[in-house]
């Protein structure tokens, strides 16, 4: 059971790393003319923050996901590398 949990955490780590590295490369590729298609993407989520004020504590919540072509490619590479390990 412990090895299955370890593999799930490792998979999540690989996916997150692939998305972050791919997103960074997508932003950098947007500045190059012939690679600008890698930066094409969508943004979705809650952009206006939701504020819960309880007079003692104030909680602010906002979540925006920016995904582009390079981050999808990065995630696919991360899944491929995970399967090889």
PDB file of N, CA and C in Angstrom:
ATOM      1  N   UNK A   1       0.816  -1.195   0.000  1.00  0.00           N
ATOM      2  CA  UNK A   1       0.000   0.000   0.000  1.00  0.00           C
ATOM      3  C   UNK A   1       0.862   1.262   0.000  1.00  0.00           C
ATOM      4  N   UNK A   2       1.972   1.229   0.720  1.00  0.00           N
ATOM      5  CA  UNK A   2       2.838   2.413   0.796  1.00  0.00           C
ATOM      6  C   UNK A   2       3.477   2.724  -0.550  1.00  0.00           C
ATOM      7  N   UNK A   3       3.811   1.689  -1.335  1.00  0.00           N
ATOM      8  CA  UNK A   3       4.436   1.955  -2.626  1.00  0.00           C
ATOM      9  C   UNK A   3       3.442   2.596  -3.582  1.00  0.00           C
ATOM     10  N   UNK A   4       2.164   2.214  -3.467  1.00  0.00           N
ATOM     11  CA  UNK A   4       1.157   2.831  -4.330  1.00  0.00           C
ATOM     12  C   UNK A   4       1.014   4.311  -3.994  1.00  0.00           C
ATOM     13  N   UNK A   5       0.973   4.662  -2.714  1.00  0.00           N
ATOM     14  CA  UNK A   5       0.886   6.067  -2.319  1.00  0.00           C
ATOM     15  C   UNK A   5       2.116   6.841  -2.770  1.00  0.00           C
ATOM     16  N   UNK A   6       3.265   6.240  -2.658  1.00  0.00           N
ATOM     17  CA  UNK A   6       4.500   6.887  -3.093  1.00  0.00           C
ATOM     18  C   UNK A   6       4.468   7.147  -4.592  1.00  0.00           C
ATOM     19  N   UNK A   7       3.971   6.203  -5.357  1.00  0.00           N
ATOM     20  CA  UNK A   7       3.899   6.384  -6.803  1.00  0.00           C
ATOM     21  C   UNK A   7       2.911   7.482  -7.185  1.00  0.00           C
ATOM     22  N   UNK A   8       1.825   7.594  -6.450  1.00  0.00           N
ATOM     23  CA  UNK A   8       0.852   8.651  -6.744  1.00  0.00           C
ATOM     24  C   UNK A   8       1.468  10.020  -6.467  1.00  0.00           C
ATOM     25  N   UNK A   9       2.195  10.144  -5.354  1.00  0.00           N
ATOM     26  CA  UNK A   9       2.839  11.418  -5.038  1.00  0.00           C
ATOM     27  C   UNK A   9       3.921  11.756  -6.048  1.00  0.00           C
ATOM     28  N   UNK A  10       4.647  10.740  -6.480  1.00  0.00           N
ATOM     29  CA  UNK A  10       5.679  10.963  -7.491  1.00  0.00           C
ATOM     30  C   UNK A  10       5.049  11.377  -8.821  1.00  0.00           C
ATOM     31  N   UNK A  11       3.931  10.763  -9.165  1.00  0.00           N
ATOM     32  CA  UNK A  11       3.208  11.135 -10.388  1.00  0.00           C
ATOM     33  C   UNK A  11       2.744  12.586 -10.311  1.00  0.00           C
ATOM     34  N   UNK A  12       2.172  12.995  -9.184  1.00  0.00           N
ATOM     35  CA  UNK A  12       1.728  14.383  -9.028  1.00  0.00           C
ATOM     36  C   UNK A  12       2.900  15.353  -9.106  1.00  0.00           C
ATOM     37  N   UNK A  13       4.035  14.961  -8.540  1.00  0.00           N
ATOM     38  CA  UNK A  13       5.232  15.795  -8.619  1.00  0.00           C
ATOM     39  C   UNK A  13       5.691  15.954 -10.062  1.00  0.00           C
ATOM     40  N   UNK A  14       5.707  14.861 -10.813  1.00  0.00           N
ATOM     41  CA  UNK A  14       6.111  14.920 -12.219  1.00  0.00           C
ATOM     42  C   UNK A  14       5.148  15.794 -13.026  1.00  0.00           C
ATOM     43  N   UNK A  15       3.844  15.626 -12.812  1.00  0.00           N
ATOM     44  CA  UNK A  15       2.858  16.408 -13.560  1.00  0.00           C
ATOM     45  C   UNK A  15       3.001  17.896 -13.244  1.00  0.00           C
ATOM     46  N   UNK A  16       3.129  18.242 -11.970  1.00  0.00           N
ATOM     47  CA  UNK A  16       3.290  19.656 -11.596  1.00  0.00           C
ATOM     48  C   UNK A  16       4.569  20.243 -12.162  1.00  0.00           C
ATOM     49  N   UNK A  17       5.653  19.482 -12.102  1.00  0.00           N
ATOM     50  CA  UNK A  17       6.919  19.972 -12.651  1.00  0.00           C
ATOM     51  C   UNK A  17       6.808  20.165 -14.163  1.00  0.00           C
ATOM     52  N   UNK A  18       6.156  19.240 -14.854  1.00  0.00           N
ATOM     53  CA  UNK A  18       5.971  19.369 -16.300  1.00  0.00           C
ATOM     54  C   UNK A  18       5.137  20.577 -16.661  1.00  0.00           C
ATOM     55  N   UNK A  19       4.081  20.833 -15.884  1.00  0.00           N
ATOM     56  CA  UNK A  19       3.231  21.996 -16.150  1.00  0.00           C
ATOM     57  C   UNK A  19       3.976  23.304 -15.897  1.00  0.00           C
ATOM     58  N   UNK A  20       4.724  23.363 -14.814  1.00  0.00           N
ATOM     59  CA  UNK A  20       5.442  24.603 -14.478  1.00  0.00           C
ATOM     60  C   UNK A  20       6.548  24.883 -15.489  1.00  0.00           C
ATOM     61  N   UNK A  21       7.355  23.868 -15.783  1.00  0.00           N
ATOM     62  CA  UNK A  21       8.456  24.064 -16.737  1.00  0.00           C
ATOM     63  C   UNK A  21       7.913  24.362 -18.128  1.00  0.00           C
ATOM     64  N   UNK A  22       6.863  23.649 -18.532  1.00  0.00           N
ATOM     65  CA  UNK A  22       6.256  23.912 -19.835  1.00  0.00           C
ATOM     66  C   UNK A  22       5.656  25.305 -19.920  1.00  0.00           C
ATOM     67  N   UNK A  23       4.998  25.747 -18.851  1.00  0.00           N
ATOM     68  CA  UNK A  23       4.435  27.097 -18.831  1.00  0.00           C
ATOM     69  C   UNK A  23       5.503  28.166 -18.920  1.00  0.00           C
ATOM     70  N   UNK A  24       6.610  27.951 -18.218  1.00  0.00           N
ATOM     71  CA  UNK A  24       7.726  28.899 -18.284  1.00  0.00           C
ATOM     72  C   UNK A  24       8.316  28.946 -19.686  1.00  0.00           C
ATOM     73  N   UNK A  25       8.525  27.773 -20.276  1.00  0.00           N
ATOM     74  CA  UNK A  25       9.056  27.739 -21.644  1.00  0.00           C
ATOM     75  C   UNK A  25       8.068  28.351 -22.636  1.00  0.00           C
ATOM     76  N   UNK A  26       6.774  28.188 -22.386  1.00  0.00           N
ATOM     77  CA  UNK A  26       5.769  28.805 -23.253  1.00  0.00           C
ATOM     78  C   UNK A  26       5.818  30.322 -23.196  1.00  0.00           C
ATOM     79  N   UNK A  27       6.019  30.865 -22.003  1.00  0.00           N
ATOM     80  CA  UNK A  27       6.139  32.319 -21.883  1.00  0.00           C
ATOM     81  C   UNK A  27       7.394  32.823 -22.574  1.00  0.00           C
ATOM     82  N   UNK A  28       8.484  32.096 -22.422  1.00  0.00           N
ATOM     83  CA  UNK A  28       9.727  32.501 -23.087  1.00  0.00           C
ATOM     84  C   UNK A  28       9.618  32.348 -24.600  1.00  0.00           C
ATOM     85  N   UNK A  29       8.925  31.309 -25.066  1.00  0.00           N
ATOM     86  CA  UNK A  29       8.773  31.084 -26.503  1.00  0.00           C
ATOM     87  C   UNK A  29       7.864  32.125 -27.146  1.00  0.00           C
ATOM     88  N   UNK A  30       7.019  32.784 -26.360  1.00  0.00           N
ATOM     89  CA  UNK A  30       6.143  33.814 -26.901  1.00  0.00           C
ATOM     90  C   UNK A  30       6.908  35.010 -27.444  1.00  0.00           C
ATOM     91  N   UNK A  31       8.161  35.170 -27.041  1.00  0.00           N
ATOM     92  CA  UNK A  31       8.973  36.291 -27.501  1.00  0.00           C
ATOM     93  C   UNK A  31       9.712  35.986 -28.798  1.00  0.00           C
ATOM     94  N   UNK A  32       9.682  34.713 -29.225  1.00  0.00           N
ATOM     95  CA  UNK A  32      10.337  34.296 -30.464  1.00  0.00           C
ATOM     96  C   UNK A  32       9.259  34.140 -31.528  1.00  0.00           C
ATOM     97  N   UNK A  33       9.459  34.746 -32.692  1.00  0.00           N
ATOM     98  CA  UNK A  33       8.420  34.767 -33.715  1.00  0.00           C
ATOM     99  C   UNK A  33       7.961  33.376 -34.143  1.00  0.00           C
ATOM    100  N   UNK A  34       8.887  32.491 -34.452  1.00  0.00           N
ATOM    101  CA  UNK A  34       8.492  31.190 -34.996  1.00  0.00           C
ATOM    102  C   UNK A  34       8.096  30.190 -33.924  1.00  0.00           C
ATOM    103  N   UNK A  35       8.229  30.557 -32.636  1.00  0.00           N
ATOM    104  CA  UNK A  35       7.784  29.698 -31.534  1.00  0.00           C
ATOM    105  C   UNK A  35       6.604  30.289 -30.762  1.00  0.00           C
ATOM    106  N   UNK A  36       6.048  31.357 -31.265  1.00  0.00           N
ATOM    107  CA  UNK A  36       4.986  32.042 -30.525  1.00  0.00           C
ATOM    108  C   UNK A  36       3.731  31.193 -30.373  1.00  0.00           C
ATOM    109  N   UNK A  37       3.544  30.176 -31.212  1.00  0.00           N
ATOM    110  CA  UNK A  37       2.374  29.306 -31.105  1.00  0.00           C
ATOM    111  C   UNK A  37       2.395  28.498 -29.804  1.00  0.00           C
ATOM    112  N   UNK A  38       3.566  28.315 -29.203  1.00  0.00           N
ATOM    113  CA  UNK A  38       3.652  27.583 -27.933  1.00  0.00           C
ATOM    114  C   UNK A  38       3.046  28.362 -26.768  1.00  0.00           C
ATOM    115  N   UNK A  39       2.962  29.671 -26.896  1.00  0.00           N
ATOM    116  CA  UNK A  39       2.421  30.486 -25.807  1.00  0.00           C
ATOM    117  C   UNK A  39       0.909  30.678 -25.908  1.00  0.00           C
ATOM    118  N   UNK A  40       0.274  30.138 -26.939  1.00  0.00           N
ATOM    119  CA  UNK A  40      -1.172  30.265 -27.067  1.00  0.00           C
ATOM    120  C   UNK A  40      -1.845  29.436 -25.981  1.00  0.00           C
ATOM    121  N   UNK A  41      -2.784  30.039 -25.288  1.00  0.00           N
ATOM    122  CA  UNK A  41      -3.451  29.301 -24.228  1.00  0.00           C
ATOM    123  C   UNK A  41      -4.674  30.025 -23.701  1.00  0.00           C
ATOM    124  N   UNK A  42      -5.206  29.462 -22.646  1.00  0.00           N
ATOM    125  CA  UNK A  42      -6.408  29.990 -22.015  1.00  0.00           C
ATOM    126  C   UNK A  42      -6.152  30.206 -20.525  1.00  0.00           C
ATOM    127  N   UNK A  43      -6.933  31.096 -19.970  1.00  0.00           N
ATOM    128  CA  UNK A  43      -6.907  31.359 -18.541  1.00  0.00           C
ATOM    129  C   UNK A  43      -8.333  31.213 -18.030  1.00  0.00           C
ATOM    130  N   UNK A  44      -8.491  30.444 -16.961  1.00  0.00           N
ATOM    131  CA  UNK A  44      -9.823  30.295 -16.395  1.00  0.00           C
ATOM    132  C   UNK A  44      -9.730  30.193 -14.881  1.00  0.00           C
ATOM    133  N   UNK A  45     -10.813  30.533 -14.235  1.00  0.00           N
ATOM    134  CA  UNK A  45     -10.850  30.468 -12.780  1.00  0.00           C
ATOM    135  C   UNK A  45     -11.585  31.665 -12.203  1.00  0.00           C
ATOM    136  N   UNK A  46     -11.374  31.892 -10.919  1.00  0.00           N
ATOM    137  CA  UNK A  46     -11.990  32.998 -10.200  1.00  0.00           C
ATOM    138  C   UNK A  46     -10.954  34.102 -10.088  1.00  0.00           C
ATOM    139  N   UNK A  47     -11.094  35.148 -10.909  1.00  0.00           N
ATOM    140  CA  UNK A  47     -10.111  36.225 -10.896  1.00  0.00           C
ATOM    141  C   UNK A  47     -10.415  37.267  -9.826  1.00  0.00           C
ATOM    142  N   UNK A  48     -11.683  37.547  -9.613  1.00  0.00           N
ATOM    143  CA  UNK A  48     -12.052  38.465  -8.542  1.00  0.00           C
ATOM    144  C   UNK A  48     -11.998  37.696  -7.230  1.00  0.00           C
ATOM    145  N   UNK A  49     -11.232  38.165  -6.266  1.00  0.00           N
ATOM    146  CA  UNK A  49     -11.096  37.397  -5.026  1.00  0.00           C
ATOM    147  C   UNK A  49     -12.389  37.350  -4.222  1.00  0.00           C
ATOM    148  N   UNK A  50     -12.639  36.184  -3.662  1.00  0.00           N
ATOM    149  CA  UNK A  50     -13.755  35.983  -2.743  1.00  0.00           C
ATOM    150  C   UNK A  50     -13.225  36.224  -1.339  1.00  0.00           C
ATOM    151  N   UNK A  51     -13.826  37.167  -0.604  1.00  0.00           N
ATOM    152  CA  UNK A  51     -13.334  37.556   0.715  1.00  0.00           C
ATOM    153  C   UNK A  51     -14.350  37.139   1.765  1.00  0.00           C
ATOM    154  N   UNK A  52     -13.873  36.386   2.748  1.00  0.00           N
ATOM    155  CA  UNK A  52     -14.693  35.994   3.886  1.00  0.00           C
ATOM    156  C   UNK A  52     -14.137  36.721   5.108  1.00  0.00           C
ATOM    157  N   UNK A  53     -14.913  37.697   5.609  1.00  0.00           N
ATOM    158  CA  UNK A  53     -14.472  38.510   6.741  1.00  0.00           C
ATOM    159  C   UNK A  53     -15.284  38.116   7.965  1.00  0.00           C
ATOM    160  N   UNK A  54     -14.610  37.513   8.959  1.00  0.00           N
ATOM    161  CA  UNK A  54     -15.270  37.078  10.190  1.00  0.00           C
ATOM    162  C   UNK A  54     -14.914  37.968  11.380  1.00  0.00           C
ATOM    163  N   UNK A  55     -14.412  39.129  11.108  1.00  0.00           N
ATOM    164  CA  UNK A  55     -14.037  40.138  12.094  1.00  0.00           C
ATOM    165  C   UNK A  55     -12.795  39.761  12.885  1.00  0.00           C
ATOM    166  N   UNK A  56     -12.506  38.495  13.051  1.00  0.00           N
ATOM    167  CA  UNK A  56     -11.293  38.066  13.729  1.00  0.00           C
ATOM    168  C   UNK A  56     -10.265  37.620  12.707  1.00  0.00           C
ATOM    169  N   UNK A  57     -10.758  37.016  11.657  1.00  0.00           N
ATOM    170  CA  UNK A  57      -9.899  36.515  10.593  1.00  0.00           C
ATOM    171  C   UNK A  57     -10.525  36.871   9.249  1.00  0.00           C
ATOM    172  N   UNK A  58      -9.686  37.200   8.311  1.00  0.00           N
ATOM    173  CA  UNK A  58     -10.149  37.522   6.969  1.00  0.00           C
ATOM    174  C   UNK A  58      -9.473  36.560   5.997  1.00  0.00           C
ATOM    175  N   UNK A  59     -10.265  35.851   5.218  1.00  0.00           N
ATOM    176  CA  UNK A  59      -9.759  34.871   4.264  1.00  0.00           C
ATOM    177  C   UNK A  59     -10.077  35.364   2.863  1.00  0.00           C
ATOM    178  N   UNK A  60      -9.078  35.397   2.012  1.00  0.00           N
ATOM    179  CA  UNK A  60      -9.246  35.800   0.623  1.00  0.00           C
ATOM    180  C   UNK A  60      -8.917  34.618  -0.261  1.00  0.00           C
ATOM    181  N   UNK A  61      -9.808  34.327  -1.207  1.00  0.00           N
ATOM    182  CA  UNK A  61      -9.634  33.175  -2.079  1.00  0.00           C
ATOM    183  C   UNK A  61      -9.778  33.603  -3.528  1.00  0.00           C
ATOM    184  N   UNK A  62      -8.795  33.243  -4.343  1.00  0.00           N
ATOM    185  CA  UNK A  62      -8.853  33.442  -5.788  1.00  0.00           C
ATOM    186  C   UNK A  62      -8.000  32.364  -6.429  1.00  0.00           C
ATOM    187  N   UNK A  63      -8.461  31.803  -7.505  1.00  0.00           N
ATOM    188  CA  UNK A  63      -7.728  30.749  -8.191  1.00  0.00           C
ATOM    189  C   UNK A  63      -7.847  30.964  -9.689  1.00  0.00           C
ATOM    190  N   UNK A  64      -6.700  31.101 -10.353  1.00  0.00           N
ATOM    191  CA  UNK A  64      -6.659  31.282 -11.796  1.00  0.00           C
ATOM    192  C   UNK A  64      -5.685  30.261 -12.364  1.00  0.00           C
ATOM    193  N   UNK A  65      -6.110  29.533 -13.366  1.00  0.00           N
ATOM    194  CA  UNK A  65      -5.264  28.545 -14.029  1.00  0.00           C
ATOM    195  C   UNK A  65      -4.940  29.061 -15.421  1.00  0.00           C
ATOM    196  N   UNK A  66      -3.657  29.198 -15.702  1.00  0.00           N
ATOM    197  CA  UNK A  66      -3.190  29.595 -17.030  1.00  0.00           C
ATOM    198  C   UNK A  66      -2.551  28.379 -17.674  1.00  0.00           C
ATOM    199  N   UNK A  67      -3.094  27.944 -18.769  1.00  0.00           N
ATOM    200  CA  UNK A  67      -2.564  26.767 -19.451  1.00  0.00           C
ATOM    201  C   UNK A  67      -2.282  27.151 -20.899  1.00  0.00           C
ATOM    202  N   UNK A  68      -1.136  26.703 -21.416  1.00  0.00           N
ATOM    203  CA  UNK A  68      -0.795  26.977 -22.803  1.00  0.00           C
ATOM    204  C   UNK A  68      -0.302  25.694 -23.468  1.00  0.00           C
ATOM    205  N   UNK A  69      -0.009  25.766 -24.738  1.00  0.00           N
ATOM    206  CA  UNK A  69       0.403  24.588 -25.513  1.00  0.00           C
ATOM    207  C   UNK A  69       1.675  23.982 -24.933  1.00  0.00           C
ATOM    208  N   UNK A  70       2.633  24.818 -24.548  1.00  0.00           N
ATOM    209  CA  UNK A  70       3.896  24.313 -24.019  1.00  0.00           C
ATOM    210  C   UNK A  70       3.699  23.582 -22.701  1.00  0.00           C
ATOM    211  N   UNK A  71       2.767  24.032 -21.854  1.00  0.00           N
ATOM    212  CA  UNK A  71       2.532  23.340 -20.595  1.00  0.00           C
ATOM    213  C   UNK A  71       1.872  21.985 -20.819  1.00  0.00           C
ATOM    214  N   UNK A  72       1.049  21.873 -21.843  1.00  0.00           N
ATOM    215  CA  UNK A  72       0.454  20.573 -22.190  1.00  0.00           C
ATOM    216  C   UNK A  72       1.534  19.624 -22.697  1.00  0.00           C
ATOM    217  N   UNK A  73       2.434  20.139 -23.514  1.00  0.00           N
ATOM    218  CA  UNK A  73       3.554  19.321 -23.999  1.00  0.00           C
ATOM    219  C   UNK A  73       4.454  18.919 -22.824  1.00  0.00           C
ATOM    220  N   UNK A  74       4.706  19.843 -21.898  1.00  0.00           N
ATOM    221  CA  UNK A  74       5.512  19.541 -20.720  1.00  0.00           C
ATOM    222  C   UNK A  74       4.878  18.470 -19.854  1.00  0.00           C
ATOM    223  N   UNK A  75       3.551  18.510 -19.708  1.00  0.00           N
ATOM    224  CA  UNK A  75       2.859  17.491 -18.939  1.00  0.00           C
ATOM    225  C   UNK A  75       2.952  16.133 -19.628  1.00  0.00           C
ATOM    226  N   UNK A  76       2.829  16.106 -20.951  1.00  0.00           N
ATOM    227  CA  UNK A  76       2.935  14.851 -21.694  1.00  0.00           C
ATOM    228  C   UNK A  76       4.341  14.255 -21.552  1.00  0.00           C
ATOM    229  N   UNK A  77       5.366  15.099 -21.609  1.00  0.00           N
ATOM    230  CA  UNK A  77       6.743  14.621 -21.433  1.00  0.00           C
ATOM    231  C   UNK A  77       6.936  14.094 -20.012  1.00  0.00           C
ATOM    232  N   UNK A  78       6.362  14.786 -19.029  1.00  0.00           N
ATOM    233  CA  UNK A  78       6.473  14.344 -17.640  1.00  0.00           C
ATOM    234  C   UNK A  78       5.798  12.988 -17.443  1.00  0.00           C
ATOM    235  N   UNK A  79       4.644  12.772 -18.054  1.00  0.00           N
ATOM    236  CA  UNK A  79       3.974  11.472 -17.955  1.00  0.00           C
ATOM    237  C   UNK A  79       4.800  10.378 -18.623  1.00  0.00           C
ATOM    238  N   UNK A  80       5.418  10.707 -19.755  1.00  0.00           N
ATOM    239  CA  UNK A  80       6.286   9.743 -20.439  1.00  0.00           C
ATOM    240  C   UNK A  80       7.482   9.373 -19.563  1.00  0.00           C
ATOM    241  N   UNK A  81       8.114  10.373 -18.941  1.00  0.00           N
ATOM    242  CA  UNK A  81       9.253  10.109 -18.069  1.00  0.00           C
ATOM    243  C   UNK A  81       8.845   9.311 -16.838  1.00  0.00           C
ATOM    244  N   UNK A  82       7.666   9.595 -16.299  1.00  0.00           N
ATOM    245  CA  UNK A  82       7.177   8.843 -15.146  1.00  0.00           C
ATOM    246  C   UNK A  82       6.983   7.377 -15.495  1.00  0.00           C
ATOM    247  N   UNK A  83       6.459   7.103 -16.672  1.00  0.00           N
ATOM    248  CA  UNK A  83       6.247   5.711 -17.090  1.00  0.00           C
ATOM    249  C   UNK A  83       7.568   4.982 -17.277  1.00  0.00           C
ATOM    250  N   UNK A  84       8.632   5.711 -17.663  1.00  0.00           N
ATOM    251  CA  UNK A  84       9.939   5.097 -17.873  1.00  0.00           C
ATOM    252  C   UNK A  84      10.645   4.781 -16.546  1.00  0.00           C
ATOM    253  N   UNK A  85      10.309   5.498 -15.490  1.00  0.00           N
ATOM    254  CA  UNK A  85      10.970   5.299 -14.193  1.00  0.00           C
ATOM    255  C   UNK A  85      10.364   4.106 -13.460  1.00  0.00           C
TER     256      UNK A  85
END
